[in-house]
Amino acid sequence: MMITTADVTDRKGAIDMVSYYRECTDNLSQIKKMLVDGGYTGQNFADAIKEITGAEVEVVKRNELHTFAVLPKRWILERSFGWLDKCRRLWKNAERLLHNSSQMFSLAFIRVILGRF
């Protein structure tokens, strides 16, 4: 998880996040495939991720608008967003500092994990 300012595109932010965590930990070398949303399409993004982690990028897209179809593996992404929607503090971005926003997301996921025990 990485929070950036609004002038950073999603693809650039994802590449920056993967680069940052690659320097901090060696756990990214175990990743074989990254599931991403339709906003991360493009060969440049896939090549950058492949170069940094060695992982293959799989884009999970919606087929058509206004029709319901269960897409394999998309529920994994949507489930995480659903968990975050239960945290009232994250509904609006009221934080002035990026560090505070990052802490709120961490607390939200800690709440989800503690709720399982």
C-alpha atoms as a PDB file:
ATOM      1  CA  MET A   1       0.000   0.000   0.000  1.00  0.00           C
ATOM      2  CA  MET A   2       1.275   3.427  -0.916  1.00  0.00           C
ATOM      3  CA  ILE A   3      -0.515   6.757  -0.910  1.00  0.00           C
ATOM      4  CA  THR A   4       0.550   9.519  -3.279  1.00  0.00           C
ATOM      5  CA  THR A   5      -0.619  12.975  -4.216  1.00  0.00           C
ATOM      6  CA  ALA A   6      -3.326  13.407  -6.856  1.00  0.00           C
ATOM      7  CA  ASP A   7      -0.874  14.393  -9.604  1.00  0.00           C
ATOM      8  CA  VAL A   8       0.684  10.893  -9.695  1.00  0.00           C
ATOM      9  CA  THR A   9      -1.028   8.489 -12.095  1.00  0.00           C
ATOM     10  CA  ASP A  10      -2.098   5.055 -10.891  1.00  0.00           C
ATOM     11  CA  ARG A  11       0.411   3.259 -13.111  1.00  0.00           C
ATOM     12  CA  LYS A  12       3.306   5.472 -12.013  1.00  0.00           C
ATOM     13  CA  GLY A  13       2.283   5.132  -8.375  1.00  0.00           C
ATOM     14  CA  ALA A  14       2.138   1.344  -8.671  1.00  0.00           C
ATOM     15  CA  ILE A  15       5.585   1.206 -10.245  1.00  0.00           C
ATOM     16  CA  ASP A  16       6.946   3.504  -7.507  1.00  0.00           C
ATOM     17  CA  MET A  17       5.324   1.341  -4.814  1.00  0.00           C
ATOM     18  CA  VAL A  18       6.762  -1.888  -6.200  1.00  0.00           C
ATOM     19  CA  SER A  19      10.205  -0.273  -6.545  1.00  0.00           C
ATOM     20  CA  TYR A  20      10.056   1.022  -2.974  1.00  0.00           C
ATOM     21  CA  TYR A  21       9.072  -2.330  -1.487  1.00  0.00           C
ATOM     22  CA  ARG A  22      11.644  -4.120  -3.631  1.00  0.00           C
ATOM     23  CA  GLU A  23      14.348  -2.068  -1.910  1.00  0.00           C
ATOM     24  CA  CYS A  24      12.865  -2.614   1.568  1.00  0.00           C
ATOM     25  CA  THR A  25      12.207  -6.357   1.470  1.00  0.00           C
ATOM     26  CA  ASP A  26      13.023  -9.476  -0.503  1.00  0.00           C
ATOM     27  CA  ASN A  27       9.460 -10.857  -0.338  1.00  0.00           C
ATOM     28  CA  LEU A  28       8.562  -9.498  -3.778  1.00  0.00           C
ATOM     29  CA  SER A  29      10.804 -12.061  -5.436  1.00  0.00           C
ATOM     30  CA  GLN A  30       8.253 -14.741  -4.495  1.00  0.00           C
ATOM     31  CA  ILE A  31       5.463 -13.115  -6.528  1.00  0.00           C
ATOM     32  CA  LYS A  32       4.698 -14.944  -9.749  1.00  0.00           C
ATOM     33  CA  LYS A  33       1.638 -13.026 -10.972  1.00  0.00           C
ATOM     34  CA  MET A  34       0.102  -9.651 -10.101  1.00  0.00           C
ATOM     35  CA  LEU A  35      -3.649  -9.186 -10.503  1.00  0.00           C
ATOM     36  CA  VAL A  36      -4.470  -5.607 -11.483  1.00  0.00           C
ATOM     37  CA  ASP A  37      -7.567  -3.639 -12.431  1.00  0.00           C
ATOM     38  CA  GLY A  38      -8.346  -2.396 -15.946  1.00  0.00           C
ATOM     39  CA  GLY A  39      -6.671   0.938 -15.219  1.00  0.00           C
ATOM     40  CA  TYR A  40      -3.261  -0.707 -15.312  1.00  0.00           C
ATOM     41  CA  THR A  41      -3.344  -1.925 -18.907  1.00  0.00           C
ATOM     42  CA  GLY A  42      -0.416  -1.292 -21.184  1.00  0.00           C
ATOM     43  CA  GLN A  43       2.765  -3.031 -22.158  1.00  0.00           C
ATOM     44  CA  ASN A  44       4.994  -0.373 -20.580  1.00  0.00           C
ATOM     45  CA  PHE A  45       3.455  -1.024 -17.152  1.00  0.00           C
ATOM     46  CA  ALA A  46       3.716  -4.798 -17.542  1.00  0.00           C
ATOM     47  CA  ASP A  47       7.338  -4.531 -18.671  1.00  0.00           C
ATOM     48  CA  ALA A  48       8.264  -2.264 -15.749  1.00  0.00           C
ATOM     49  CA  ILE A  49       6.719  -4.660 -13.214  1.00  0.00           C
ATOM     50  CA  LYS A  50       8.386  -7.634 -14.903  1.00  0.00           C
ATOM     51  CA  GLU A  51      11.752  -5.868 -14.710  1.00  0.00           C
ATOM     52  CA  ILE A  52      11.380  -4.947 -11.037  1.00  0.00           C
ATOM     53  CA  THR A  53       9.856  -8.141  -9.633  1.00  0.00           C
ATOM     54  CA  GLY A  54       9.958 -10.732 -12.382  1.00  0.00           C
ATOM     55  CA  ALA A  55       6.190 -11.171 -12.005  1.00  0.00           C
ATOM     56  CA  GLU A  56       3.666 -11.429 -14.789  1.00  0.00           C
ATOM     57  CA  VAL A  57       0.859  -8.834 -14.837  1.00  0.00           C
ATOM     58  CA  GLU A  58      -2.705 -10.111 -15.331  1.00  0.00           C
ATOM     59  CA  VAL A  59      -5.379  -7.485 -15.980  1.00  0.00           C
ATOM     60  CA  VAL A  60      -8.840  -8.454 -14.700  1.00  0.00           C
ATOM     61  CA  LYS A  61     -11.293  -6.366 -16.725  1.00  0.00           C
ATOM     62  CA  ARG A  62     -15.037  -6.022 -16.826  1.00  0.00           C
ATOM     63  CA  ASN A  63     -16.538  -7.348 -20.046  1.00  0.00           C
ATOM     64  CA  GLU A  64     -19.428  -4.974 -20.654  1.00  0.00           C
ATOM     65  CA  LEU A  65     -21.132  -2.181 -18.801  1.00  0.00           C
ATOM     66  CA  HIS A  66     -24.665  -2.670 -17.454  1.00  0.00           C
ATOM     67  CA  THR A  67     -24.403  -6.460 -17.488  1.00  0.00           C
ATOM     68  CA  PHE A  68     -23.509  -8.680 -14.582  1.00  0.00           C
ATOM     69  CA  ALA A  69     -21.008 -11.442 -15.055  1.00  0.00           C
ATOM     70  CA  VAL A  70     -18.850 -13.091 -12.453  1.00  0.00           C
ATOM     71  CA  LEU A  71     -15.247 -12.546 -13.463  1.00  0.00           C
ATOM     72  CA  PRO A  72     -12.601 -14.893 -12.135  1.00  0.00           C
ATOM     73  CA  LYS A  73     -10.362 -13.359  -9.460  1.00  0.00           C
ATOM     74  CA  ARG A  74     -11.975  -9.893  -9.646  1.00  0.00           C
ATOM     75  CA  TRP A  75     -13.768 -10.573  -6.373  1.00  0.00           C
ATOM     76  CA  ILE A  76     -10.388 -10.527  -4.619  1.00  0.00           C
ATOM     77  CA  LEU A  77      -9.908  -6.876  -5.566  1.00  0.00           C
ATOM     78  CA  GLU A  78     -13.502  -5.862  -4.862  1.00  0.00           C
ATOM     79  CA  ARG A  79     -13.536  -7.620  -1.488  1.00  0.00           C
ATOM     80  CA  SER A  80     -10.632  -5.509  -0.247  1.00  0.00           C
ATOM     81  CA  PHE A  81     -12.384  -2.305  -1.296  1.00  0.00           C
ATOM     82  CA  GLY A  82     -15.548  -3.534   0.432  1.00  0.00           C
ATOM     83  CA  TRP A  83     -13.664  -3.980   3.684  1.00  0.00           C
ATOM     84  CA  LEU A  84     -12.359  -0.425   3.469  1.00  0.00           C
ATOM     85  CA  ASP A  85     -15.848   0.972   2.787  1.00  0.00           C
ATOM     86  CA  LYS A  86     -16.869  -0.006   6.307  1.00  0.00           C
ATOM     87  CA  CYS A  87     -14.388   2.491   7.762  1.00  0.00           C
ATOM     88  CA  ARG A  88     -16.149   5.822   8.062  1.00  0.00           C
ATOM     89  CA  ARG A  89     -12.905   7.799   8.292  1.00  0.00           C
ATOM     90  CA  LEU A  90     -11.900   6.696   4.781  1.00  0.00           C
ATOM     91  CA  TRP A  91     -15.133   7.817   3.079  1.00  0.00           C
ATOM     92  CA  LYS A  92     -13.805  11.332   2.602  1.00  0.00           C
ATOM     93  CA  ASN A  93     -10.209  12.383   2.356  1.00  0.00           C
ATOM     94  CA  ALA A  94     -10.032  14.802   5.276  1.00  0.00           C
ATOM     95  CA  GLU A  95      -6.352  14.253   6.069  1.00  0.00           C
ATOM     96  CA  ARG A  96      -3.899  17.015   5.251  1.00  0.00           C
ATOM     97  CA  LEU A  97      -0.763  14.864   5.264  1.00  0.00           C
ATOM     98  CA  LEU A  98      -0.056  11.733   3.219  1.00  0.00           C
ATOM     99  CA  HIS A  99       1.418  10.081   6.292  1.00  0.00           C
ATOM    100  CA  ASN A 100      -1.885  10.434   8.156  1.00  0.00           C
ATOM    101  CA  SER A 101      -3.834   8.922   5.248  1.00  0.00           C
ATOM    102  CA  SER A 102      -1.446   5.989   5.160  1.00  0.00           C
ATOM    103  CA  GLN A 103      -1.926   5.417   8.878  1.00  0.00           C
ATOM    104  CA  MET A 104      -5.722   5.410   8.478  1.00  0.00           C
ATOM    105  CA  PHE A 105      -5.517   2.710   5.789  1.00  0.00           C
ATOM    106  CA  SER A 106      -3.193   0.645   7.970  1.00  0.00           C
ATOM    107  CA  LEU A 107      -5.583   0.950  10.908  1.00  0.00           C
ATOM    108  CA  ALA A 108      -8.495  -0.061   8.680  1.00  0.00           C
ATOM    109  CA  PHE A 109      -6.766  -3.266   7.598  1.00  0.00           C
ATOM    110  CA  ILE A 110      -5.644  -3.986  11.176  1.00  0.00           C
ATOM    111  CA  ARG A 111      -9.304  -3.682  12.191  1.00  0.00           C
ATOM    112  CA  VAL A 112     -10.245  -6.234   9.515  1.00  0.00           C
ATOM    113  CA  ILE A 113      -7.560  -8.668  10.672  1.00  0.00           C
ATOM    114  CA  LEU A 114      -8.444  -8.314  14.358  1.00  0.00           C
ATOM    115  CA  GLY A 115     -12.085  -8.901  13.532  1.00  0.00           C
ATOM    116  CA  ARG A 116     -11.212 -12.396  12.358  1.00  0.00           C
ATOM    117  CA  PHE A 117      -9.897 -13.515  15.749  1.00  0.00           C
END
